[in-house]
C-alpha cells in the first residue's frame, strides 16, 4: 500500500522479516520504504519483539542520503508502548534543532503538524484509524511529556505508525521545522 505524507511517498510493502536483537530477542519487522522528492530512499522497520520492546526505526539508506537526513538513522527512533486493550501508542515528537549540533526529538504542536502536512493533521490521523490525544490521555503509564500529542492504533493496523513517523522525522527535517530559512535569489 502506498501513501503520501506531504510529498513523501511511503510504501508499506507487506513484507515481514524475522529479526533478532541484543540479548537474543527474537521478533518480526514490518517493512516500509520512504522516498522524498530530494532523493532520500530509505527502509523503515516496525520492529516487534513483544509487549516490552516495540519500535519504529530507519534501518537502511537505500541510496546516498542527502545531508539533511544524516542523523535520521541515529535520532529517529519511535518507541511504541503497548496498552492493555492491545492498542499501540506512540508519543509524537519531531526532529528539529534543540540544543545540539544536529536535530533531536523535541515537542511538536498540532499547529506545527498541520504546517508539516499542509493539511489538518488531526483529521488526517483519525481518517487513517488513529486515536489522537495527549500522552497522558492515551497512555495511563505516562509520567513525562504528559501534555504532548500522542496517537494510538489497534495492533492489526500497527504498520500505519510509519506515517506519523514519516511526518515527524522525515518531513520535519525536509521542511526544516523550527529553523529560520534564508533564501538566496
N, C-alpha and C. Protein backbone atom coordinates (compact mmCIF):
# COMPACT_ATOMS: atom_id res chain seq x y z
N UNK A 1 0.84 -1.17 0.00
CA UNK A 1 0.00 0.00 0.00
C UNK A 1 0.89 1.23 0.00
N UNK A 2 0.51 2.22 -0.80
CA UNK A 2 1.27 3.46 -0.88
C UNK A 2 0.47 4.61 -0.32
N UNK A 3 1.17 5.49 0.38
CA UNK A 3 0.59 6.68 0.97
C UNK A 3 1.49 7.86 0.62
N UNK A 4 0.93 9.06 0.66
CA UNK A 4 1.72 10.27 0.50
C UNK A 4 1.58 11.10 1.77
N UNK A 5 2.71 11.48 2.33
CA UNK A 5 2.76 12.30 3.54
C UNK A 5 3.54 13.56 3.16
N UNK A 6 2.83 14.65 2.83
CA UNK A 6 3.46 15.92 2.47
C UNK A 6 4.54 15.74 1.41
N UNK A 7 4.19 15.17 0.29
CA UNK A 7 5.09 14.94 -0.85
C UNK A 7 6.12 13.84 -0.62
N UNK A 8 6.03 13.11 0.46
CA UNK A 8 6.91 11.97 0.71
C UNK A 8 6.11 10.70 0.46
N UNK A 9 6.64 9.83 -0.38
CA UNK A 9 5.96 8.56 -0.68
C UNK A 9 6.36 7.53 0.36
N UNK A 10 5.36 6.89 0.95
CA UNK A 10 5.59 5.82 1.92
C UNK A 10 4.90 4.58 1.38
N UNK A 11 5.68 3.53 1.19
CA UNK A 11 5.14 2.27 0.70
C UNK A 11 5.26 1.22 1.80
N UNK A 12 4.11 0.74 2.26
CA UNK A 12 4.09 -0.36 3.22
C UNK A 12 4.09 -1.62 2.37
N UNK A 13 5.22 -2.33 2.39
CA UNK A 13 5.44 -3.41 1.43
C UNK A 13 4.64 -4.67 1.71
N UNK A 14 4.22 -4.87 2.94
CA UNK A 14 3.56 -6.12 3.30
C UNK A 14 4.55 -7.21 3.68
N UNK A 15 5.84 -6.94 3.50
CA UNK A 15 6.87 -7.91 3.85
C UNK A 15 7.09 -7.90 5.36
N UNK A 16 7.23 -9.08 5.93
CA UNK A 16 7.58 -9.22 7.34
C UNK A 16 8.84 -10.08 7.40
N UNK A 17 9.79 -9.67 8.22
CA UNK A 17 11.06 -10.39 8.36
C UNK A 17 11.23 -10.85 9.80
N UNK A 18 11.86 -12.00 9.97
CA UNK A 18 12.29 -12.43 11.29
C UNK A 18 13.53 -11.62 11.64
N UNK A 19 13.60 -11.11 12.88
CA UNK A 19 14.74 -10.29 13.31
C UNK A 19 15.18 -10.73 14.71
N UNK A 20 16.42 -10.36 15.05
CA UNK A 20 16.93 -10.60 16.40
C UNK A 20 17.52 -9.30 16.92
N UNK A 21 17.62 -9.21 18.23
CA UNK A 21 18.20 -8.03 18.87
C UNK A 21 19.17 -8.49 19.96
N UNK A 22 19.90 -7.54 20.51
CA UNK A 22 20.82 -7.82 21.59
C UNK A 22 20.07 -8.55 22.71
N UNK A 23 20.72 -9.53 23.30
CA UNK A 23 20.08 -10.30 24.36
C UNK A 23 19.27 -11.47 23.82
N UNK A 24 19.50 -11.83 22.57
CA UNK A 24 18.80 -12.94 21.92
C UNK A 24 17.29 -12.78 21.90
N UNK A 25 16.85 -11.54 21.68
CA UNK A 25 15.42 -11.31 21.49
C UNK A 25 15.08 -11.65 20.05
N UNK A 26 13.97 -12.33 19.86
CA UNK A 26 13.52 -12.67 18.52
C UNK A 26 12.19 -11.98 18.27
N UNK A 27 12.00 -11.51 17.05
CA UNK A 27 10.77 -10.82 16.73
C UNK A 27 10.56 -10.75 15.23
N UNK A 28 9.66 -9.86 14.85
CA UNK A 28 9.37 -9.65 13.43
C UNK A 28 9.46 -8.16 13.13
N UNK A 29 9.68 -7.87 11.85
CA UNK A 29 9.72 -6.48 11.41
C UNK A 29 8.84 -6.34 10.18
N UNK A 30 7.94 -5.36 10.23
CA UNK A 30 7.15 -5.00 9.06
C UNK A 30 7.96 -3.95 8.32
N UNK A 31 8.04 -4.08 7.00
CA UNK A 31 8.93 -3.25 6.19
C UNK A 31 8.15 -2.17 5.45
N UNK A 32 8.73 -0.97 5.44
CA UNK A 32 8.18 0.15 4.65
C UNK A 32 9.34 0.87 3.98
N UNK A 33 9.05 1.48 2.84
CA UNK A 33 10.04 2.27 2.10
C UNK A 33 9.58 3.71 2.05
N UNK A 34 10.53 4.64 2.19
CA UNK A 34 10.25 6.07 2.16
C UNK A 34 11.06 6.69 1.03
N UNK A 35 10.40 7.51 0.21
CA UNK A 35 11.07 8.21 -0.88
C UNK A 35 10.65 9.68 -0.83
N UNK A 36 11.65 10.57 -0.85
CA UNK A 36 11.37 12.01 -0.83
C UNK A 36 11.68 12.62 -2.19
N UNK A 37 11.12 13.80 -2.46
CA UNK A 37 11.43 14.48 -3.72
C UNK A 37 12.91 14.88 -3.83
N UNK A 38 13.61 15.00 -2.69
CA UNK A 38 15.03 15.36 -2.73
C UNK A 38 15.96 14.15 -2.65
N UNK A 39 15.47 13.00 -3.10
CA UNK A 39 16.26 11.78 -3.35
C UNK A 39 16.57 10.91 -2.14
N UNK A 40 15.91 11.09 -1.01
CA UNK A 40 16.07 10.13 0.07
C UNK A 40 15.29 8.87 -0.29
N UNK A 41 15.93 7.74 -0.19
CA UNK A 41 15.27 6.43 -0.32
C UNK A 41 15.76 5.62 0.87
N UNK A 42 14.84 5.19 1.72
CA UNK A 42 15.23 4.51 2.95
C UNK A 42 14.23 3.43 3.31
N UNK A 43 14.73 2.47 4.08
CA UNK A 43 13.88 1.39 4.59
C UNK A 43 13.60 1.63 6.06
N UNK A 44 12.33 1.48 6.43
CA UNK A 44 11.90 1.56 7.82
C UNK A 44 11.46 0.18 8.26
N UNK A 45 11.56 -0.05 9.56
CA UNK A 45 11.02 -1.29 10.12
C UNK A 45 10.18 -0.96 11.34
N UNK A 46 9.02 -1.60 11.42
CA UNK A 46 8.23 -1.62 12.64
C UNK A 46 8.65 -2.91 13.33
N UNK A 47 9.53 -2.77 14.32
CA UNK A 47 10.15 -3.93 14.98
C UNK A 47 9.30 -4.34 16.19
N UNK A 48 8.88 -5.59 16.20
CA UNK A 48 8.02 -6.10 17.25
C UNK A 48 8.71 -7.28 17.94
N UNK A 49 9.23 -7.01 19.14
CA UNK A 49 9.83 -8.06 19.95
C UNK A 49 8.90 -8.46 21.10
N UNK A 50 7.67 -8.03 21.03
CA UNK A 50 6.72 -8.32 22.09
C UNK A 50 6.36 -7.05 22.85
N UNK A 51 5.52 -7.18 23.88
CA UNK A 51 4.98 -6.01 24.56
C UNK A 51 6.00 -5.11 25.24
N UNK A 52 7.19 -5.62 25.53
CA UNK A 52 8.18 -4.81 26.24
C UNK A 52 9.20 -4.15 25.33
N UNK A 53 9.18 -4.45 24.04
CA UNK A 53 10.15 -3.83 23.13
C UNK A 53 9.56 -3.79 21.72
N UNK A 54 9.00 -2.65 21.38
CA UNK A 54 8.45 -2.43 20.05
C UNK A 54 8.88 -1.03 19.63
N UNK A 55 9.34 -0.89 18.37
CA UNK A 55 9.86 0.40 17.93
C UNK A 55 9.77 0.54 16.41
N UNK A 56 9.80 1.79 15.96
CA UNK A 56 9.85 2.11 14.54
C UNK A 56 11.18 2.81 14.31
N UNK A 57 11.91 2.35 13.28
CA UNK A 57 13.25 2.87 13.08
C UNK A 57 13.64 2.79 11.62
N UNK A 58 14.39 3.80 11.16
CA UNK A 58 15.02 3.72 9.86
C UNK A 58 16.14 2.69 10.00
N UNK A 59 16.18 1.72 9.10
CA UNK A 59 17.19 0.67 9.22
C UNK A 59 18.24 0.72 8.13
N UNK A 60 17.92 1.38 7.00
CA UNK A 60 18.91 1.41 5.93
C UNK A 60 18.61 2.53 4.94
N UNK A 61 19.65 3.28 4.59
CA UNK A 61 19.55 4.21 3.46
C UNK A 61 19.77 3.38 2.21
N UNK A 62 18.82 3.37 1.28
CA UNK A 62 18.93 2.57 0.06
C UNK A 62 19.58 3.34 -1.07
N UNK A 63 19.82 4.61 -0.87
CA UNK A 63 20.56 5.48 -1.78
C UNK A 63 21.32 6.45 -0.89
N UNK A 64 22.38 7.06 -1.39
CA UNK A 64 23.09 8.02 -0.53
C UNK A 64 22.13 9.08 0.01
N UNK A 65 22.15 9.25 1.32
CA UNK A 65 21.21 10.18 1.96
C UNK A 65 21.65 11.62 1.77
N UNK A 66 20.73 12.50 1.35
CA UNK A 66 21.06 13.93 1.34
C UNK A 66 21.47 14.35 2.76
N UNK A 67 22.38 15.33 2.89
CA UNK A 67 22.91 15.71 4.21
C UNK A 67 21.85 16.03 5.26
N UNK A 68 20.72 16.60 4.86
CA UNK A 68 19.70 16.98 5.84
C UNK A 68 19.19 15.77 6.63
N UNK A 69 19.32 14.56 6.07
CA UNK A 69 18.83 13.35 6.73
C UNK A 69 19.93 12.56 7.43
N UNK A 70 21.12 13.14 7.55
CA UNK A 70 22.28 12.44 8.06
C UNK A 70 22.12 11.79 9.43
N UNK A 71 21.34 12.37 10.32
CA UNK A 71 21.18 11.81 11.67
C UNK A 71 19.88 11.03 11.84
N UNK A 72 19.14 10.86 10.78
CA UNK A 72 17.83 10.20 10.86
C UNK A 72 17.94 8.77 11.39
N UNK A 73 18.98 8.06 10.98
CA UNK A 73 19.11 6.68 11.44
C UNK A 73 19.51 6.60 12.91
N UNK A 74 20.15 7.62 13.45
CA UNK A 74 20.56 7.61 14.86
C UNK A 74 19.54 8.26 15.78
N UNK A 75 18.83 9.28 15.30
CA UNK A 75 17.95 10.05 16.18
C UNK A 75 16.47 9.89 15.88
N UNK A 76 16.11 9.02 14.96
CA UNK A 76 14.72 8.94 14.53
C UNK A 76 13.89 7.85 15.17
N UNK A 77 14.41 7.14 16.15
CA UNK A 77 13.69 6.03 16.78
C UNK A 77 12.37 6.50 17.38
N UNK A 78 11.30 5.73 17.14
CA UNK A 78 10.00 5.98 17.77
C UNK A 78 9.67 4.73 18.59
N UNK A 79 9.57 4.91 19.90
CA UNK A 79 9.28 3.80 20.80
C UNK A 79 7.77 3.64 20.94
N UNK A 80 7.32 2.39 20.91
CA UNK A 80 5.90 2.07 21.00
C UNK A 80 5.60 1.49 22.37
N UNK A 81 4.53 1.97 22.98
CA UNK A 81 4.02 1.38 24.22
C UNK A 81 2.81 0.52 23.84
N UNK A 82 2.65 -0.59 24.54
CA UNK A 82 1.51 -1.46 24.29
C UNK A 82 0.51 -1.31 25.44
N UNK A 83 -0.74 -1.07 25.08
CA UNK A 83 -1.78 -0.88 26.09
C UNK A 83 -2.46 -2.21 26.42
N UNK A 84 -3.16 -2.24 27.53
CA UNK A 84 -3.85 -3.46 27.96
C UNK A 84 -4.89 -3.93 26.95
N UNK A 85 -5.51 -3.00 26.21
CA UNK A 85 -6.52 -3.37 25.23
C UNK A 85 -5.91 -3.84 23.91
N UNK A 86 -4.57 -3.87 23.83
CA UNK A 86 -3.89 -4.32 22.62
C UNK A 86 -3.46 -3.21 21.68
N UNK A 87 -3.96 -1.99 21.91
CA UNK A 87 -3.56 -0.88 21.04
C UNK A 87 -2.10 -0.53 21.23
N UNK A 88 -1.51 0.04 20.19
CA UNK A 88 -0.14 0.54 20.22
C UNK A 88 -0.22 2.05 20.30
N UNK A 89 0.54 2.66 21.20
CA UNK A 89 0.51 4.11 21.39
C UNK A 89 1.93 4.68 21.29
N UNK A 90 2.04 5.83 20.62
CA UNK A 90 3.34 6.50 20.48
C UNK A 90 3.20 7.98 20.81
N UNK A 91 4.26 8.51 21.36
CA UNK A 91 4.38 9.94 21.63
C UNK A 91 4.90 10.59 20.35
N UNK A 92 4.25 11.66 19.92
CA UNK A 92 4.71 12.36 18.71
C UNK A 92 5.68 13.46 19.11
N UNK A 93 6.92 13.28 18.69
CA UNK A 93 7.97 14.27 18.87
C UNK A 93 8.62 14.42 17.51
N UNK A 94 9.12 15.60 17.20
CA UNK A 94 9.66 15.86 15.87
C UNK A 94 11.16 16.12 15.93
N UNK A 95 11.85 15.71 14.87
CA UNK A 95 13.27 16.03 14.73
C UNK A 95 13.39 17.50 14.35
N UNK A 96 14.09 18.25 15.19
CA UNK A 96 14.24 19.69 14.98
C UNK A 96 15.46 20.17 15.77
N UNK A 97 15.93 21.38 15.50
CA UNK A 97 17.04 21.91 16.30
C UNK A 97 16.64 21.93 17.78
N UNK A 98 17.59 21.57 18.63
CA UNK A 98 17.23 21.53 20.04
C UNK A 98 18.40 21.38 20.98
N UNK A 99 19.40 22.22 20.87
CA UNK A 99 20.48 22.21 21.83
C UNK A 99 21.72 21.46 21.42
N UNK A 100 21.68 20.72 20.33
CA UNK A 100 22.85 20.02 19.82
C UNK A 100 23.14 20.51 18.42
N UNK A 101 24.25 20.07 17.87
CA UNK A 101 24.62 20.48 16.51
C UNK A 101 23.78 19.80 15.45
N UNK A 102 23.00 18.82 15.82
CA UNK A 102 22.16 18.08 14.90
C UNK A 102 20.73 18.05 15.44
N UNK A 103 19.76 17.76 14.58
CA UNK A 103 18.37 17.72 15.05
C UNK A 103 18.14 16.59 16.07
N UNK A 104 17.33 16.89 17.07
CA UNK A 104 16.96 15.89 18.07
C UNK A 104 15.44 15.88 18.21
N UNK A 105 14.91 14.86 18.85
CA UNK A 105 13.47 14.76 19.05
C UNK A 105 13.02 15.74 20.11
N UNK A 106 12.04 16.56 19.76
CA UNK A 106 11.53 17.61 20.65
C UNK A 106 10.02 17.73 20.48
N UNK A 107 9.42 18.48 21.41
CA UNK A 107 7.99 18.75 21.39
C UNK A 107 7.56 19.25 20.02
N UNK A 108 6.36 18.85 19.60
CA UNK A 108 5.75 19.36 18.38
C UNK A 108 4.27 19.65 18.69
N UNK A 109 3.79 20.79 18.22
CA UNK A 109 2.39 21.17 18.45
C UNK A 109 1.53 20.67 17.30
N UNK A 110 0.23 20.67 17.51
CA UNK A 110 -0.70 20.27 16.45
C UNK A 110 -0.62 21.26 15.29
N UNK A 111 -0.43 22.54 15.60
CA UNK A 111 -0.29 23.54 14.54
C UNK A 111 0.94 23.27 13.69
N UNK A 112 2.03 22.86 14.32
CA UNK A 112 3.24 22.51 13.57
C UNK A 112 3.01 21.26 12.72
N UNK A 113 2.28 20.30 13.25
CA UNK A 113 1.96 19.10 12.46
C UNK A 113 1.11 19.48 11.25
N UNK A 114 0.14 20.39 11.45
CA UNK A 114 -0.67 20.88 10.34
C UNK A 114 0.22 21.52 9.27
N UNK A 115 1.18 22.32 9.71
CA UNK A 115 2.08 23.01 8.78
C UNK A 115 2.96 22.01 8.03
N UNK A 116 3.46 21.01 8.74
CA UNK A 116 4.28 19.99 8.08
C UNK A 116 3.48 19.23 7.03
N UNK A 117 2.25 18.89 7.37
CA UNK A 117 1.40 18.09 6.49
C UNK A 117 0.76 18.93 5.39
N UNK A 118 0.68 20.25 5.59
CA UNK A 118 -0.07 21.14 4.69
C UNK A 118 -1.55 20.75 4.65
N UNK A 119 -2.05 20.30 5.79
CA UNK A 119 -3.45 19.89 5.93
C UNK A 119 -3.73 19.76 7.43
N UNK A 120 -4.97 19.43 7.76
CA UNK A 120 -5.37 19.24 9.14
C UNK A 120 -4.84 17.88 9.61
N UNK A 121 -3.80 17.89 10.42
CA UNK A 121 -3.13 16.66 10.84
C UNK A 121 -4.05 15.77 11.69
N UNK A 122 -4.85 16.37 12.55
CA UNK A 122 -5.73 15.56 13.39
C UNK A 122 -6.75 14.82 12.54
N UNK A 123 -7.36 15.49 11.57
CA UNK A 123 -8.31 14.81 10.68
C UNK A 123 -7.63 13.73 9.85
N UNK A 124 -6.43 14.00 9.38
CA UNK A 124 -5.68 13.02 8.61
C UNK A 124 -5.42 11.77 9.45
N UNK A 125 -4.94 11.97 10.67
CA UNK A 125 -4.63 10.84 11.55
C UNK A 125 -5.89 10.04 11.90
N UNK A 126 -6.96 10.73 12.27
CA UNK A 126 -8.19 10.00 12.62
C UNK A 126 -8.77 9.29 11.39
N UNK A 127 -8.62 9.88 10.21
CA UNK A 127 -9.07 9.24 8.99
C UNK A 127 -8.33 7.95 8.68
N UNK A 128 -7.10 7.85 9.16
CA UNK A 128 -6.31 6.63 8.98
C UNK A 128 -6.63 5.57 10.03
N UNK A 129 -7.40 5.95 11.06
CA UNK A 129 -7.76 4.99 12.11
C UNK A 129 -7.07 5.22 13.44
N UNK A 130 -6.29 6.31 13.56
CA UNK A 130 -5.61 6.62 14.81
C UNK A 130 -6.57 7.33 15.77
N UNK A 131 -6.35 7.14 17.06
CA UNK A 131 -6.95 7.96 18.09
C UNK A 131 -5.90 9.00 18.45
N UNK A 132 -6.29 10.26 18.52
CA UNK A 132 -5.36 11.35 18.81
C UNK A 132 -5.72 11.95 20.17
N UNK A 133 -4.72 12.18 20.98
CA UNK A 133 -4.93 12.79 22.30
C UNK A 133 -3.60 13.20 22.88
N UNK A 134 -3.59 13.46 24.18
CA UNK A 134 -2.32 13.74 24.84
C UNK A 134 -1.71 12.42 25.27
N UNK A 135 -0.42 12.47 25.57
CA UNK A 135 0.29 11.28 26.02
C UNK A 135 -0.37 10.72 27.29
N UNK A 136 -0.79 11.58 28.21
CA UNK A 136 -1.45 11.13 29.44
C UNK A 136 -2.82 10.52 29.16
N UNK A 137 -3.56 11.09 28.20
CA UNK A 137 -4.88 10.55 27.87
C UNK A 137 -4.80 9.16 27.24
N UNK A 138 -3.81 8.95 26.40
CA UNK A 138 -3.73 7.68 25.66
C UNK A 138 -2.85 6.63 26.33
N UNK A 139 -1.98 7.05 27.23
CA UNK A 139 -1.07 6.12 27.89
C UNK A 139 -1.16 6.31 29.40
N UNK A 140 -1.93 5.47 30.08
CA UNK A 140 -2.10 5.63 31.52
C UNK A 140 -0.79 5.57 32.31
N UNK A 141 0.25 4.98 31.75
CA UNK A 141 1.54 4.87 32.43
C UNK A 141 2.44 6.09 32.22
N UNK A 142 1.96 7.10 31.48
CA UNK A 142 2.79 8.27 31.17
C UNK A 142 3.20 9.01 32.43
N UNK A 143 4.48 9.34 32.52
CA UNK A 143 4.99 10.12 33.65
C UNK A 143 5.61 11.43 33.19
N UNK A 144 6.17 11.45 31.99
CA UNK A 144 6.78 12.65 31.41
C UNK A 144 6.03 12.98 30.12
N UNK A 145 6.18 14.21 29.67
CA UNK A 145 5.59 14.66 28.41
C UNK A 145 4.06 14.46 28.38
N UNK A 146 3.42 14.52 29.52
CA UNK A 146 2.01 14.17 29.64
C UNK A 146 1.09 15.03 28.78
N UNK A 147 1.47 16.27 28.50
CA UNK A 147 0.64 17.15 27.68
C UNK A 147 0.98 17.10 26.20
N UNK A 148 1.97 16.31 25.82
CA UNK A 148 2.37 16.21 24.42
C UNK A 148 1.39 15.37 23.62
N UNK A 149 1.39 15.58 22.31
CA UNK A 149 0.49 14.86 21.41
C UNK A 149 0.95 13.41 21.27
N UNK A 150 -0.04 12.52 21.23
CA UNK A 150 0.22 11.10 21.05
C UNK A 150 -0.88 10.53 20.15
N UNK A 151 -0.60 9.36 19.59
CA UNK A 151 -1.60 8.64 18.80
C UNK A 151 -1.57 7.17 19.20
N UNK A 152 -2.73 6.53 19.06
CA UNK A 152 -2.80 5.09 19.28
C UNK A 152 -3.56 4.46 18.13
N UNK A 153 -3.31 3.17 17.94
CA UNK A 153 -3.94 2.44 16.84
C UNK A 153 -3.98 0.96 17.23
N UNK A 154 -5.01 0.23 16.78
CA UNK A 154 -5.05 -1.20 17.07
C UNK A 154 -3.84 -1.93 16.46
N UNK A 155 -3.41 -2.99 17.11
CA UNK A 155 -2.24 -3.73 16.67
C UNK A 155 -2.37 -4.22 15.23
N UNK A 156 -3.57 -4.58 14.80
CA UNK A 156 -3.72 -5.10 13.44
C UNK A 156 -3.53 -4.03 12.36
N UNK A 157 -3.40 -2.75 12.77
CA UNK A 157 -3.10 -1.66 11.83
C UNK A 157 -1.76 -1.00 12.18
N UNK A 158 -0.95 -1.66 12.98
CA UNK A 158 0.27 -1.05 13.52
C UNK A 158 1.26 -0.61 12.45
N UNK A 159 1.22 -1.21 11.27
CA UNK A 159 2.14 -0.80 10.20
C UNK A 159 1.91 0.66 9.80
N UNK A 160 0.72 1.20 10.07
CA UNK A 160 0.42 2.60 9.75
C UNK A 160 1.21 3.59 10.61
N UNK A 161 1.84 3.12 11.68
CA UNK A 161 2.66 4.01 12.51
C UNK A 161 3.82 4.61 11.73
N UNK A 162 4.19 4.02 10.59
CA UNK A 162 5.25 4.61 9.77
C UNK A 162 4.82 5.95 9.19
N UNK A 163 3.52 6.24 9.14
CA UNK A 163 3.04 7.51 8.58
C UNK A 163 3.30 8.67 9.54
N UNK A 164 2.89 8.62 10.83
CA UNK A 164 3.28 9.71 11.72
C UNK A 164 4.79 9.75 11.95
N UNK A 165 5.46 8.60 11.88
CA UNK A 165 6.92 8.59 11.96
C UNK A 165 7.50 9.43 10.82
N UNK A 166 7.01 9.22 9.62
CA UNK A 166 7.49 9.95 8.45
C UNK A 166 7.23 11.44 8.61
N UNK A 167 6.04 11.81 9.08
CA UNK A 167 5.70 13.22 9.26
C UNK A 167 6.63 13.90 10.26
N UNK A 168 6.87 13.25 11.40
CA UNK A 168 7.62 13.89 12.49
C UNK A 168 9.12 13.72 12.37
N UNK A 169 9.57 12.90 11.48
CA UNK A 169 11.01 12.71 11.28
C UNK A 169 11.42 13.24 9.91
N UNK A 170 11.01 12.56 8.87
CA UNK A 170 11.46 12.89 7.51
C UNK A 170 10.94 14.26 7.07
N UNK A 171 9.63 14.49 7.17
CA UNK A 171 9.06 15.76 6.71
C UNK A 171 9.57 16.91 7.58
N UNK A 172 9.70 16.69 8.89
CA UNK A 172 10.22 17.75 9.77
C UNK A 172 11.64 18.15 9.36
N UNK A 173 12.46 17.19 8.98
CA UNK A 173 13.80 17.51 8.51
C UNK A 173 13.76 18.18 7.13
N UNK A 174 12.94 17.63 6.25
CA UNK A 174 12.84 18.14 4.88
C UNK A 174 12.39 19.60 4.88
N UNK A 175 11.43 19.93 5.76
CA UNK A 175 10.90 21.30 5.82
C UNK A 175 11.62 22.16 6.85
N UNK A 176 12.67 21.63 7.47
CA UNK A 176 13.48 22.35 8.44
C UNK A 176 12.62 22.96 9.55
N UNK A 177 11.82 22.12 10.20
CA UNK A 177 10.95 22.56 11.28
C UNK A 177 11.74 23.30 12.34
N UNK A 178 11.32 24.52 12.62
CA UNK A 178 11.92 25.30 13.69
C UNK A 178 13.15 26.08 13.30
N UNK A 179 13.57 26.00 12.07
CA UNK A 179 14.75 26.74 11.65
C UNK A 179 14.34 27.96 10.83
N UNK A 180 15.13 29.01 10.94
CA UNK A 180 14.95 30.15 10.05
C UNK A 180 15.47 29.74 8.69
N UNK A 181 14.68 29.99 7.68
CA UNK A 181 15.06 29.62 6.33
C UNK A 181 15.47 30.89 5.58
N UNK A 182 16.67 30.92 5.07
CA UNK A 182 17.16 32.04 4.27
C UNK A 182 17.20 31.60 2.83
N UNK A 183 16.55 32.36 1.98
CA UNK A 183 16.50 32.03 0.57
C UNK A 183 17.37 33.03 -0.18
N UNK A 184 18.36 32.54 -0.90
CA UNK A 184 19.20 33.40 -1.73
C UNK A 184 18.65 33.41 -3.15
N UNK A 185 18.47 34.58 -3.71
CA UNK A 185 17.96 34.68 -5.08
C UNK A 185 19.11 34.94 -6.03
